[in-house]
Protein backbone atom coordinates (compact mmCIF):
# COMPACT_ATOMS: atom_id res chain seq x y z
CA MET A 1 0.00 0.00 0.00
CA ARG A 2 3.02 2.26 -0.38
CA ASN A 3 1.37 4.29 -3.16
CA LEU A 4 -2.04 4.60 -1.49
CA THR A 5 -3.13 8.25 -1.44
CA ILE A 6 -6.30 10.17 -0.72
CA ASP A 7 -8.22 12.18 -3.31
CA GLY A 8 -6.87 15.68 -2.67
CA ALA A 9 -9.37 17.41 -4.95
CA ARG A 10 -12.32 15.70 -3.25
CA LEU A 11 -11.04 16.68 0.19
CA TRP A 12 -10.57 20.29 -0.90
CA ASP A 13 -14.04 20.41 -2.44
CA SER A 14 -15.53 19.09 0.81
CA LEU A 15 -13.70 21.76 2.81
CA MET A 16 -14.97 24.49 0.52
CA GLU A 17 -18.53 23.15 0.65
CA MET A 18 -18.50 23.06 4.45
CA ALA A 19 -17.04 26.60 4.50
CA LYS A 20 -20.25 27.89 2.90
CA ILE A 21 -22.06 27.18 6.19
CA GLY A 22 -21.45 30.33 8.22
CA ALA A 23 -19.37 32.01 5.50
CA THR A 24 -18.35 35.60 6.30
CA PRO A 25 -17.82 38.51 3.87
CA LYS A 26 -14.05 38.42 4.39
CA GLY A 27 -13.77 34.76 3.36
CA GLY A 28 -13.86 33.20 6.80
CA VAL A 29 -16.44 31.27 8.80
CA CYS A 30 -18.58 32.04 11.87
CA ARG A 31 -20.13 28.77 13.03
CA LEU A 32 -20.43 29.03 16.80
CA ALA A 33 -21.14 25.95 18.89
CA LEU A 34 -24.79 24.86 19.21
CA THR A 35 -26.14 27.47 16.80
CA ASP A 36 -28.31 26.68 13.79
CA LEU A 37 -25.19 26.93 11.64
CA ASP A 38 -23.45 24.35 13.83
CA ARG A 39 -26.45 22.08 13.34
CA ALA A 40 -26.24 22.55 9.56
CA GLY A 41 -22.54 21.69 9.53
CA ARG A 42 -23.12 18.59 11.64
CA GLN A 43 -25.92 17.43 9.38
CA LEU A 44 -23.83 17.86 6.24
CA PHE A 45 -21.03 15.82 7.82
CA ILE A 46 -23.50 13.09 8.84
CA ASP A 47 -25.01 12.99 5.36
CA TRP A 48 -21.56 12.53 3.83
CA CYS A 49 -20.66 9.81 6.33
CA VAL A 50 -23.89 7.88 5.79
CA ALA A 51 -23.26 8.03 2.04
CA ALA A 52 -19.82 6.54 2.77
CA GLY A 53 -21.43 3.61 4.58
CA CYS A 54 -20.78 4.72 8.15
CA THR A 55 -23.10 4.27 11.11
CA ILE A 56 -23.70 7.35 13.27
CA ALA A 57 -23.85 7.70 17.05
CA VAL A 58 -24.33 10.84 19.16
CA ASP A 59 -23.63 11.09 22.87
CA LYS A 60 -25.23 13.22 25.58
CA VAL A 61 -22.82 16.12 25.16
CA GLY A 62 -23.40 16.17 21.38
CA ASN A 63 -20.23 14.45 20.20
CA VAL A 64 -20.83 12.73 16.84
CA PHE A 65 -19.12 9.45 15.88
CA ALA A 66 -19.13 8.03 12.34
CA ARG A 67 -18.02 4.37 12.31
CA ARG A 68 -16.68 2.29 9.45
CA PRO A 69 -16.74 -1.33 10.61
CA GLY A 70 -13.62 -3.46 10.85
CA ARG A 71 -13.23 -7.20 10.37
CA ASP A 72 -12.96 -7.62 14.14
CA PRO A 73 -15.78 -5.60 15.75
CA ALA A 74 -14.43 -6.41 19.22
CA ARG A 75 -11.26 -4.43 18.61
CA PRO A 76 -11.26 -0.84 19.86
CA ALA A 77 -11.62 1.67 17.06
CA VAL A 78 -8.80 3.66 15.52
CA MET A 79 -10.28 7.15 15.77
CA THR A 80 -9.58 10.49 14.19
CA GLY A 81 -11.46 13.77 14.25
CA SER A 82 -11.59 17.35 15.44
CA HIS A 83 -14.34 20.00 15.56
CA LEU A 84 -16.82 21.89 13.39
CA ASP A 85 -17.36 24.97 15.57
CA THR A 86 -15.34 28.12 14.88
CA GLN A 87 -14.32 31.40 16.42
CA PRO A 88 -16.62 34.41 15.74
CA THR A 89 -14.13 35.50 13.07
CA GLY A 90 -12.78 32.04 12.25
CA GLY A 91 -11.31 30.41 9.19
CA ARG A 92 -12.09 27.56 6.82
CA PHE A 93 -9.55 25.02 8.13
CA ASP A 94 -9.25 25.19 11.93
CA GLY A 95 -10.84 21.97 13.20
CA ILE A 96 -12.80 21.07 10.11
CA PHE A 97 -9.65 19.94 8.27
CA GLY A 98 -9.21 17.18 10.85
CA VAL A 99 -12.83 16.09 10.56
CA LEU A 100 -12.94 15.98 6.78
CA ALA A 101 -9.47 14.43 6.50
CA GLY A 102 -10.92 11.58 8.56
CA LEU A 103 -13.90 11.33 6.24
CA GLU A 104 -11.51 11.30 3.27
CA VAL A 105 -9.64 8.37 4.84
CA VAL A 106 -12.94 6.45 4.96
CA ARG A 107 -13.78 7.39 1.37
CA THR A 108 -10.34 6.33 0.15
CA LEU A 109 -10.59 2.94 1.86
CA ASN A 110 -14.00 2.51 0.24
CA ASP A 111 -12.64 3.47 -3.18
CA ARG A 112 -9.88 0.85 -2.92
CA GLY A 113 -12.06 -1.82 -1.33
CA ILE A 114 -9.73 -2.00 1.68
CA ALA A 115 -11.02 -3.65 4.84
CA THR A 116 -9.33 -2.98 8.17
CA GLU A 117 -9.02 -5.30 11.14
CA ALA A 118 -10.10 -2.61 13.62
CA PRO A 119 -13.04 -0.28 13.03
CA ILE A 120 -12.32 3.27 11.86
CA GLU A 121 -14.17 6.14 13.53
CA VAL A 122 -14.35 9.86 12.75
CA ALA A 123 -15.36 12.09 15.65
CA VAL A 124 -16.83 15.59 15.76
CA TRP A 125 -16.21 17.01 19.23
CA THR A 126 -18.65 19.56 20.64
CA ASN A 127 -17.53 23.12 21.41
CA GLU A 128 -13.79 22.77 21.02
CA GLU A 129 -13.26 26.50 20.57
CA GLY A 130 -14.81 27.72 23.82
CA ALA A 131 -15.91 30.87 21.99
CA ARG A 132 -19.61 30.71 22.86
CA PHE A 133 -19.46 28.48 25.93
CA SER A 134 -16.36 28.29 28.15
CA PRO A 135 -14.09 26.50 28.80
CA ALA A 136 -12.80 25.08 25.54
CA MET A 137 -12.75 21.42 24.47
CA MET A 138 -15.98 20.58 26.29
CA GLY A 139 -17.03 17.56 24.23
CA SER A 140 -13.70 15.74 24.38
CA GLY A 141 -13.33 16.84 28.00
CA VAL A 142 -16.59 15.16 28.99
CA HIS A 143 -15.65 12.08 26.96
CA ALA A 144 -12.33 11.86 28.81
CA GLY A 145 -13.87 12.44 32.24
CA ILE A 146 -12.23 15.85 32.68
CA PHE A 147 -15.59 17.62 33.04
CA PRO A 148 -18.75 16.17 34.59
CA LEU A 149 -21.56 16.05 32.04
CA ALA A 150 -24.03 17.71 34.41
CA GLU A 151 -21.67 20.64 34.96
CA ILE A 152 -21.20 21.24 31.24
CA LEU A 153 -24.92 21.06 30.50
CA GLU A 154 -25.43 23.94 32.95
CA LYS A 155 -22.89 26.28 31.31
CA ARG A 156 -24.32 29.49 29.84
CA ASP A 157 -23.23 31.78 27.04
CA MET A 158 -22.93 35.58 27.29
CA ASP A 159 -26.66 35.90 26.58
CA GLY A 160 -27.59 33.50 29.38
CA ARG A 161 -28.55 30.59 27.13
CA ARG A 162 -27.95 27.21 28.75
CA PHE A 163 -25.68 24.69 27.00
CA GLY A 164 -28.03 21.75 27.58
CA ASP A 165 -31.03 23.65 26.24
CA GLU A 166 -29.19 24.74 23.11
CA LEU A 167 -27.89 21.21 22.53
CA ALA A 168 -31.44 19.87 22.66
CA ARG A 169 -32.75 22.72 20.51
CA ILE A 170 -30.44 21.84 17.61
CA GLY A 171 -31.31 18.14 17.99
CA PHE A 172 -27.93 16.82 19.13
CA ALA A 173 -28.58 15.80 22.73
CA GLY A 174 -27.85 12.17 21.93
CA PRO A 175 -28.64 9.04 23.96
CA GLU A 176 -25.14 7.57 24.29
CA GLU A 177 -23.25 7.91 27.58
CA PRO A 178 -20.03 9.88 26.99
CA GLY A 179 -16.76 8.00 27.28
CA ARG A 180 -18.19 4.53 26.66
CA ARG A 181 -16.62 4.06 23.21
CA ALA A 182 -13.45 1.97 23.20
CA VAL A 183 -10.61 3.78 21.42
CA GLY A 184 -7.39 1.95 20.56
CA ALA A 185 -5.63 4.98 19.07
CA TYR A 186 -6.53 8.58 18.31
CA PHE A 187 -5.01 10.77 15.58
CA GLU A 188 -5.87 14.40 14.84
CA ALA A 189 -4.83 16.34 11.74
CA HIS A 190 -4.79 20.12 12.07
CA ILE A 191 -3.36 23.27 10.60
CA GLU A 192 -0.40 24.46 12.68
CA GLN A 193 -2.01 27.81 13.62
CA GLY A 194 1.50 29.23 13.83
CA PRO A 195 4.37 30.28 11.52
CA ILE A 196 7.05 27.65 12.12
CA LEU A 197 6.34 25.10 9.37
CA GLU A 198 5.87 27.73 6.68
CA ALA A 199 8.98 29.66 7.74
CA GLU A 200 11.10 26.48 7.58
CA GLU A 201 9.39 25.25 4.39
CA ARG A 202 8.31 21.99 6.04
CA THR A 203 5.19 20.18 4.87
CA ILE A 204 4.40 18.15 7.99
CA GLY A 205 4.72 18.87 11.69
CA VAL A 206 5.15 15.66 13.70
CA VAL A 207 3.52 16.78 16.94
CA THR A 208 5.23 15.35 20.02
CA GLY A 209 2.98 16.99 22.60
CA SER A 210 1.01 20.05 23.64
CA GLN A 211 1.78 23.07 25.81
CA GLY A 212 0.18 23.47 29.20
CA GLN A 213 -2.46 26.15 29.62
CA ARG A 214 -3.83 28.17 32.51
CA TRP A 215 -6.88 30.40 32.10
CA TYR A 216 -7.98 33.01 34.64
CA GLU A 217 -10.85 35.42 35.22
CA VAL A 218 -9.77 38.64 36.92
CA THR A 219 -12.08 41.21 38.53
CA VAL A 220 -10.74 44.58 39.67
CA LYS A 221 -12.93 46.78 41.88
CA GLY A 222 -12.44 50.47 42.63
CA GLN A 223 -14.95 53.28 43.04
CA GLU A 224 -17.17 54.91 40.47
CA ALA A 225 -17.05 58.70 40.55
CA HIS A 226 -17.67 61.74 38.37
CA ALA A 227 -14.88 62.28 35.83
CA GLY A 228 -14.90 66.07 36.31
CA PRO A 229 -15.04 66.93 40.03
CA THR A 230 -12.90 64.01 41.26
CA PRO A 231 -9.17 64.94 41.55
CA MET A 232 -6.67 62.49 40.13
CA SER A 233 -5.12 61.98 43.55
CA ARG A 234 -8.45 60.85 45.04
CA ARG A 235 -9.40 58.34 42.38
CA ARG A 236 -9.71 54.57 42.71
CA ASP A 237 -9.84 53.87 39.00
CA ALA A 238 -10.40 50.17 38.33
CA LEU A 239 -9.53 50.53 34.64
CA VAL A 240 -6.14 52.13 35.35
CA GLY A 241 -5.36 49.27 37.73
CA ALA A 242 -6.54 46.70 35.19
CA ALA A 243 -4.38 48.34 32.49
CA ARG A 244 -1.30 47.95 34.69
CA MET A 245 -2.22 44.30 35.33
CA ILE A 246 -2.69 43.67 31.61
CA ASP A 247 0.77 45.14 30.99
CA LEU A 248 2.07 42.75 33.68
CA VAL A 249 0.51 39.81 31.84
CA ASN A 250 2.29 40.86 28.65
CA ARG A 251 5.65 41.22 30.43
CA ILE A 252 5.32 37.80 32.08
CA GLY A 253 5.01 36.26 28.63
CA ARG A 254 7.72 38.33 26.92
CA GLU A 255 10.29 37.65 29.65
CA ARG A 256 10.13 33.87 29.06
CA PRO A 257 10.95 33.33 25.37
CA PRO A 258 10.65 31.48 23.12
CA TYR A 259 7.75 29.33 24.35
CA ALA A 260 5.76 31.42 26.82
CA CYS A 261 2.51 32.99 25.61
CA ALA A 262 0.41 35.40 27.68
CA THR A 263 -2.84 36.90 26.41
CA VAL A 264 -5.71 39.05 27.66
CA GLY A 265 -8.62 38.33 25.34
CA VAL A 266 -11.72 39.82 27.01
CA ILE A 267 -12.13 43.15 28.81
CA GLN A 268 -15.36 44.50 30.30
CA SER A 269 -15.49 47.87 32.08
CA LYS A 270 -18.35 49.13 34.27
CA PRO A 271 -20.31 51.34 34.13
CA ASN A 272 -18.80 51.96 30.68
CA SER A 273 -19.77 55.64 30.66
CA ARG A 274 -17.71 58.45 29.12
CA ASN A 275 -17.80 60.71 32.15
CA THR A 276 -17.68 58.17 34.98
CA ILE A 277 -14.48 56.77 36.47
CA PRO A 278 -14.66 52.98 36.03
CA GLY A 279 -15.55 51.18 39.23
CA GLU A 280 -15.14 47.59 38.08
CA VAL A 281 -13.22 45.82 35.32
CA PHE A 282 -13.31 42.16 34.32
CA PHE A 283 -10.69 40.57 32.08
CA THR A 284 -9.44 37.14 31.10
CA VAL A 285 -5.88 35.80 31.05
CA ASP A 286 -4.48 32.91 28.99
CA PHE A 287 -1.01 31.57 29.92
CA ARG A 288 0.74 28.81 27.93
CA HIS A 289 4.09 27.01 28.22
CA PRO A 290 5.34 23.47 27.54
CA ASP A 291 7.14 23.32 30.94
CA ASP A 292 4.76 23.02 33.88
CA ASP A 293 7.31 24.53 36.29
CA VAL A 294 7.54 27.67 34.16
CA LEU A 295 3.75 27.78 33.92
CA SER A 296 3.58 27.63 37.72
CA THR A 297 6.06 30.52 37.97
CA MET A 298 3.92 32.56 35.60
CA ASP A 299 0.90 31.77 37.77
CA ALA A 300 2.65 33.03 40.92
CA LEU A 301 3.90 36.21 39.23
CA LEU A 302 0.40 37.04 38.02
CA LYS A 303 -1.16 36.66 41.45
CA THR A 304 1.49 38.49 43.46
CA GLY A 305 1.87 41.22 40.84
CA CYS A 306 -1.86 41.92 40.57
CA ALA A 307 -2.17 42.04 44.36
CA ALA A 308 0.63 44.62 44.56
CA ILE A 309 -0.92 46.77 41.82
CA ALA A 310 -4.30 46.65 43.54
CA ALA A 311 -2.79 47.68 46.88
CA GLU A 312 -0.99 50.66 45.32
CA GLY A 313 -4.22 51.91 43.73
CA GLY A 314 -6.55 51.33 46.65
CA LEU A 315 -8.32 48.61 44.65
CA GLU A 316 -9.59 45.11 45.24
CA VAL A 317 -8.64 42.25 42.92
CA SER A 318 -10.05 38.73 42.61
CA ILE A 319 -8.35 36.10 40.43
CA VAL A 320 -10.28 32.93 39.64
CA ASP A 321 -8.40 29.90 38.31
CA PHE A 322 -10.82 29.15 35.50
CA TRP A 323 -9.15 26.23 33.68
CA TYR A 324 -5.89 24.29 33.76
CA ALA A 325 -4.57 21.80 31.23
CA PRO A 326 -1.08 20.46 31.99
CA PRO A 327 1.54 19.92 29.28
CA THR A 328 0.67 16.69 27.45
CA PRO A 329 3.20 14.42 25.72
CA PHE A 330 1.76 12.26 22.94
CA GLU A 331 2.15 8.49 22.63
CA PRO A 332 5.63 7.71 21.18
CA ARG A 333 4.31 4.76 19.16
CA LEU A 334 1.74 6.92 17.41
CA VAL A 335 4.20 9.77 16.95
CA GLU A 336 6.43 7.26 15.16
CA ALA A 337 3.46 6.16 13.02
CA VAL A 338 3.02 9.78 11.93
CA ARG A 339 6.75 10.06 11.22
CA ALA A 340 6.65 6.83 9.20
CA GLY A 341 3.69 8.06 7.14
CA THR A 342 5.60 11.26 6.44
CA ALA A 343 8.71 9.38 5.35
CA ARG A 344 6.66 7.06 3.13
CA HIS A 345 5.71 10.02 0.94
CA GLY A 346 9.02 11.85 1.23
CA TYR A 347 7.46 14.96 2.80
CA SER A 348 9.74 17.43 4.53
CA HIS A 349 8.95 17.51 8.23
CA ARG A 350 10.04 18.47 11.72
CA ASP A 351 9.06 17.61 15.27
CA ILE A 352 6.91 20.32 16.86
CA VAL A 353 5.07 21.06 20.10
CA SER A 354 1.50 22.33 19.78
CA GLY A 355 1.03 25.84 21.08
CA ALA A 356 -2.75 25.51 21.00
CA GLY A 357 -5.10 23.23 22.87
CA HIS A 358 -6.76 20.48 20.84
CA ASP A 359 -9.18 17.64 21.49
CA ALA A 360 -6.20 15.28 21.16
CA VAL A 361 -4.93 16.65 24.49
CA TYR A 362 -7.94 15.26 26.34
CA MET A 363 -8.07 12.11 24.24
CA ALA A 364 -4.48 11.43 25.34
CA LYS A 365 -5.88 10.92 28.87
CA VAL A 366 -7.90 7.88 27.78
CA ALA A 367 -6.15 6.49 24.68
CA PRO A 368 -2.82 6.65 22.85
CA ALA A 369 -2.89 9.89 20.83
CA ALA A 370 -0.86 11.89 18.33
CA MET A 371 -1.30 14.83 15.96
CA ILE A 372 -0.31 15.86 12.45
CA PHE A 373 0.26 19.52 11.58
CA VAL A 374 0.31 21.16 8.16
CA PRO A 375 1.31 24.79 7.49
CA CYS A 376 -1.18 27.63 7.35
CA ILE A 377 -0.38 30.63 5.22
CA GLY A 378 1.32 33.39 7.19
CA GLY A 379 0.89 31.32 10.35
CA ILE A 380 -2.49 33.00 10.78
CA SER A 381 -5.47 31.29 12.42
CA HIS A 382 -8.54 32.35 14.42
CA ASN A 383 -8.93 34.90 11.64
CA GLU A 384 -11.11 35.13 8.55
CA VAL A 385 -8.05 35.23 6.29
CA GLU A 386 -6.84 31.84 7.60
CA ASP A 387 -5.70 29.81 4.59
CA ALA A 388 -3.74 26.74 3.56
CA LYS A 389 -2.34 25.26 0.35
CA PRO A 390 -4.29 22.37 -1.21
CA SER A 391 -1.03 20.42 -1.56
CA ASP A 392 -0.33 20.70 2.17
CA ILE A 393 -3.90 19.70 3.06
CA GLU A 394 -3.55 16.66 0.82
CA ALA A 395 -0.19 15.77 2.36
CA GLY A 396 -1.56 15.89 5.88
CA ALA A 397 -4.44 13.60 4.95
CA ASN A 398 -2.04 11.15 3.28
CA VAL A 399 0.01 10.95 6.46
CA LEU A 400 -3.18 10.45 8.47
CA LEU A 401 -4.28 7.63 6.17
CA HIS A 402 -1.08 5.66 6.58
CA ALA A 403 -0.79 6.28 10.32
CA MET A 404 -4.35 5.03 10.85
CA LEU A 405 -3.80 1.98 8.65
CA GLN A 406 -0.67 1.12 10.59
CA GLU A 407 -2.76 1.01 13.78
CA ALA A 408 -5.96 -0.49 12.34
CA GLY A 409 -4.28 -3.18 10.26
CA ILE A 410 -5.29 -4.14 6.73
CA ALA A 411 -7.47 -7.24 6.64
CA PRO A 412 -6.37 -9.90 4.15
């Protein structure tokens, strides 16, 4: 099977067809979790999988599993997948490439009449992005036992809509208990979402693991007052304090190159009036690093630094540890399977650590897991201009095909 390859044109056409669901004027996609557009994307995927001879199952958190049977139904499935939901200003490849690359593996095996010993499954994980409902990676997190199902069903979006109600509304509150599917190996293909592969002119990133992440919610309280009569020396301006804390977050990241990342993504100021000194500010913090000891140092610097800034300004500060995902190494055997698939086709490649969180991180808690990266143009993702070359997309799917076959086994 050395010359076995996927149909690159078919995969690209599928990606472009899916990108029409939630298409934005700038060429991107807005398909937030558990919206009508999410439902439409899920249904299109299911229709394609049924046409490819797969059976469909949906669990209670909305994860979708398309199964191609193997010769030995008792063997745990070799699974691949990713997500269909996007950022509000998302692109055409983040997540969906991994889903449709898995579907293309199934289609290719069908085209060639190849039976596998183990079943093949393609998963769509619910709410990977965490854009509408937080935290991120909810579906795979429930599957892996990281989050209790009941807790996730009670989460609410910024408009107060309940996760469980929205899941039922779009018709994807399935009957299957999460985490009950046996998985022998899990692979995930994804765009890099960074600039390294493109800058080094490498086609494939052999992902050896994922950075750790810590998310926080910070609330700074001061005193609202009139912007005119209140002297500068008498002010307890929550926004000024928050601005100093946000600068601290940036410095914590910049002082730990090359791997540390520190981001403030959401800011809300109250009362948000032109002529009133802000009395309360809420903001989020995202810290990432592949070394857990460094991540812990960043955590301590944030908390002590914010406390000192608050004390100097006569403010109060509350820091909530919202989410923590430790650095995750991937299974060496599966990493080698990815490397072997890359070598089989002669693709240029390099080992790489994922700077973003992915469903594979949680799947690594319950099954051997690995990832395959391909370049994205300009290293840009979570942006409507996100793009990738068809040749790189095809290459990533070819590597996925061979890695999955190595684990699933070809039936005689």
